[in-house]
Amino acid sequence: MVWVIFAMLVCLAAAAAVVGAVAVPARRQGRQVLTPKGEDVVSSVTRGTDKVVSTTRKTTGSALRATRPKPSTGRHSASHDVEESREAS
C-alpha cells in the first residue's frame, strides 16, 4: 500500500512539473493554454457549477431554517437545562 501511495505522489509531482513547465510560462506570455473548444467546455462547466451551488444553497438554507430553534419559544438551551438540574440536586 505504501508503494501505491508513493507512486501516486510521484505521478502528482510529474503532473505539477509539466504544468509548471508548459502552462504557467505560456499564460504569463499571454498565450492561450486551452483551445477555443476547451475554453467553451470550461465556461459551460463553470455555469453548471454556479447553478448547482445556487440550488444547493437554496435547498440547504431552507433545511437549516427549518431545523433551527425558533427564538419566540422562550426556552433555554439544553446545556442551560442540564446546569439547572445539577444546581437543583
C-alpha atoms as a PDB file:
ATOM      1  CA  MET A   1       0.000   0.000   0.000  1.00  0.00           C
ATOM      2  CA  VAL A   2       2.888   2.337   0.727  1.00  0.00           C
ATOM      3  CA  TRP A   3       4.203   1.785  -2.794  1.00  0.00           C
ATOM      4  CA  VAL A   4       0.857   2.713  -4.330  1.00  0.00           C
ATOM      5  CA  ILE A   5       0.750   5.947  -2.374  1.00  0.00           C
ATOM      6  CA  PHE A   6       4.362   6.656  -3.283  1.00  0.00           C
ATOM      7  CA  ALA A   7       3.613   6.050  -6.977  1.00  0.00           C
ATOM      8  CA  MET A   8       0.619   8.368  -6.812  1.00  0.00           C
ATOM      9  CA  LEU A   9       2.749  11.102  -5.263  1.00  0.00           C
ATOM     10  CA  VAL A  10       5.387  10.649  -7.987  1.00  0.00           C
ATOM     11  CA  CYS A  11       2.678  10.985 -10.655  1.00  0.00           C
ATOM     12  CA  LEU A  12       1.305  14.082  -8.956  1.00  0.00           C
ATOM     13  CA  ALA A  13       4.770  15.635  -8.838  1.00  0.00           C
ATOM     14  CA  ALA A  14       5.314  14.838 -12.529  1.00  0.00           C
ATOM     15  CA  ALA A  15       1.979  16.430 -13.442  1.00  0.00           C
ATOM     16  CA  ALA A  16       2.812  19.540 -11.426  1.00  0.00           C
ATOM     17  CA  ALA A  17       6.196  19.761 -13.162  1.00  0.00           C
ATOM     18  CA  VAL A  18       4.550  19.566 -16.592  1.00  0.00           C
ATOM     19  CA  VAL A  19       2.034  22.271 -15.705  1.00  0.00           C
ATOM     20  CA  GLY A  20       4.801  24.412 -14.279  1.00  0.00           C
ATOM     21  CA  ALA A  21       6.999  23.942 -17.329  1.00  0.00           C
ATOM     22  CA  VAL A  22       4.337  24.414 -20.012  1.00  0.00           C
ATOM     23  CA  ALA A  23       1.179  26.162 -18.871  1.00  0.00           C
ATOM     24  CA  VAL A  24       2.499  28.781 -16.460  1.00  0.00           C
ATOM     25  CA  PRO A  25       5.072  30.383 -18.821  1.00  0.00           C
ATOM     26  CA  ALA A  26       2.582  30.287 -21.695  1.00  0.00           C
ATOM     27  CA  ARG A  27      -0.048  32.023 -19.579  1.00  0.00           C
ATOM     28  CA  ARG A  28       2.444  34.673 -18.459  1.00  0.00           C
ATOM     29  CA  GLN A  29       3.303  35.439 -22.089  1.00  0.00           C
ATOM     30  CA  GLY A  30      -0.395  35.904 -22.857  1.00  0.00           C
ATOM     31  CA  ARG A  31      -0.819  32.779 -24.952  1.00  0.00           C
ATOM     32  CA  GLN A  32      -3.939  30.724 -24.588  1.00  0.00           C
ATOM     33  CA  VAL A  33      -3.427  27.468 -22.767  1.00  0.00           C
ATOM     34  CA  LEU A  34      -6.693  25.919 -23.925  1.00  0.00           C
ATOM     35  CA  THR A  35      -8.139  25.697 -27.394  1.00  0.00           C
ATOM     36  CA  PRO A  36     -11.370  27.619 -28.103  1.00  0.00           C
ATOM     37  CA  LYS A  37     -13.312  24.383 -27.614  1.00  0.00           C
ATOM     38  CA  GLY A  38     -11.556  23.853 -24.284  1.00  0.00           C
ATOM     39  CA  GLU A  39     -12.485  27.386 -23.219  1.00  0.00           C
ATOM     40  CA  ASP A  40     -16.124  26.622 -24.117  1.00  0.00           C
ATOM     41  CA  VAL A  41     -16.033  23.451 -22.020  1.00  0.00           C
ATOM     42  CA  VAL A  42     -14.588  25.302 -19.034  1.00  0.00           C
ATOM     43  CA  SER A  43     -17.173  28.064 -19.270  1.00  0.00           C
ATOM     44  CA  SER A  44     -20.048  25.566 -19.533  1.00  0.00           C
ATOM     45  CA  VAL A  45     -18.736  23.655 -16.514  1.00  0.00           C
ATOM     46  CA  THR A  46     -18.444  26.931 -14.594  1.00  0.00           C
ATOM     47  CA  ARG A  47     -22.028  27.870 -15.455  1.00  0.00           C
ATOM     48  CA  GLY A  48     -23.237  24.424 -14.416  1.00  0.00           C
ATOM     49  CA  THR A  49     -21.308  24.618 -11.162  1.00  0.00           C
ATOM     50  CA  ASP A  50     -22.782  28.037 -10.372  1.00  0.00           C
ATOM     51  CA  LYS A  51     -26.276  26.660 -10.977  1.00  0.00           C
ATOM     52  CA  VAL A  52     -25.653  23.667  -8.704  1.00  0.00           C
ATOM     53  CA  VAL A  53     -24.196  25.866  -5.963  1.00  0.00           C
ATOM     54  CA  SER A  54     -27.144  28.257  -6.000  1.00  0.00           C
ATOM     55  CA  THR A  55     -29.646  25.379  -5.957  1.00  0.00           C
ATOM     56  CA  THR A  56     -27.787  23.697  -3.109  1.00  0.00           C
ATOM     57  CA  ARG A  57     -27.683  26.919  -1.101  1.00  0.00           C
ATOM     58  CA  LYS A  58     -31.424  27.397  -1.549  1.00  0.00           C
ATOM     59  CA  THR A  59     -32.139  23.812  -0.520  1.00  0.00           C
ATOM     60  CA  THR A  60     -29.794  23.629   2.442  1.00  0.00           C
ATOM     61  CA  GLY A  61     -30.691  27.139   3.570  1.00  0.00           C
ATOM     62  CA  SER A  62     -34.368  26.222   3.865  1.00  0.00           C
ATOM     63  CA  ALA A  63     -33.429  22.987   5.619  1.00  0.00           C
ATOM     64  CA  LEU A  64     -31.252  24.874   8.095  1.00  0.00           C
ATOM     65  CA  ARG A  65     -34.011  27.377   8.797  1.00  0.00           C
ATOM     66  CA  ALA A  66     -36.422  24.509   9.438  1.00  0.00           C
ATOM     67  CA  THR A  67     -34.109  22.830  11.969  1.00  0.00           C
ATOM     68  CA  ARG A  68     -33.072  25.929  13.910  1.00  0.00           C
ATOM     69  CA  PRO A  69     -34.952  26.548  17.161  1.00  0.00           C
ATOM     70  CA  LYS A  70     -37.471  29.332  16.981  1.00  0.00           C
ATOM     71  CA  PRO A  71     -36.431  32.358  19.062  1.00  0.00           C
ATOM     72  CA  SER A  72     -40.038  33.005  20.130  1.00  0.00           C
ATOM     73  CA  THR A  73     -40.314  29.751  22.118  1.00  0.00           C
ATOM     74  CA  GLY A  74     -38.632  31.273  25.173  1.00  0.00           C
ATOM     75  CA  ARG A  75     -36.825  28.025  26.010  1.00  0.00           C
ATOM     76  CA  HIS A  76     -33.260  27.885  27.196  1.00  0.00           C
ATOM     77  CA  SER A  77     -30.585  25.794  25.562  1.00  0.00           C
ATOM     78  CA  ALA A  78     -30.199  22.149  26.562  1.00  0.00           C
ATOM     79  CA  SER A  79     -26.917  22.858  28.337  1.00  0.00           C
ATOM     80  CA  HIS A  80     -28.664  25.515  30.420  1.00  0.00           C
ATOM     81  CA  ASP A  81     -31.367  22.988  31.408  1.00  0.00           C
ATOM     82  CA  VAL A  82     -28.673  20.494  32.466  1.00  0.00           C
ATOM     83  CA  GLU A  83     -26.957  23.128  34.598  1.00  0.00           C
ATOM     84  CA  GLU A  84     -30.264  23.996  36.290  1.00  0.00           C
ATOM     85  CA  SER A  85     -30.967  20.348  37.075  1.00  0.00           C
ATOM     86  CA  ARG A  86     -27.472  19.955  38.588  1.00  0.00           C
ATOM     87  CA  GLU A  87     -27.964  23.003  40.783  1.00  0.00           C
ATOM     88  CA  ALA A  88     -31.337  21.708  41.982  1.00  0.00           C
ATOM     89  CA  SER A  89     -29.913  18.368  43.151  1.00  0.00           C
END
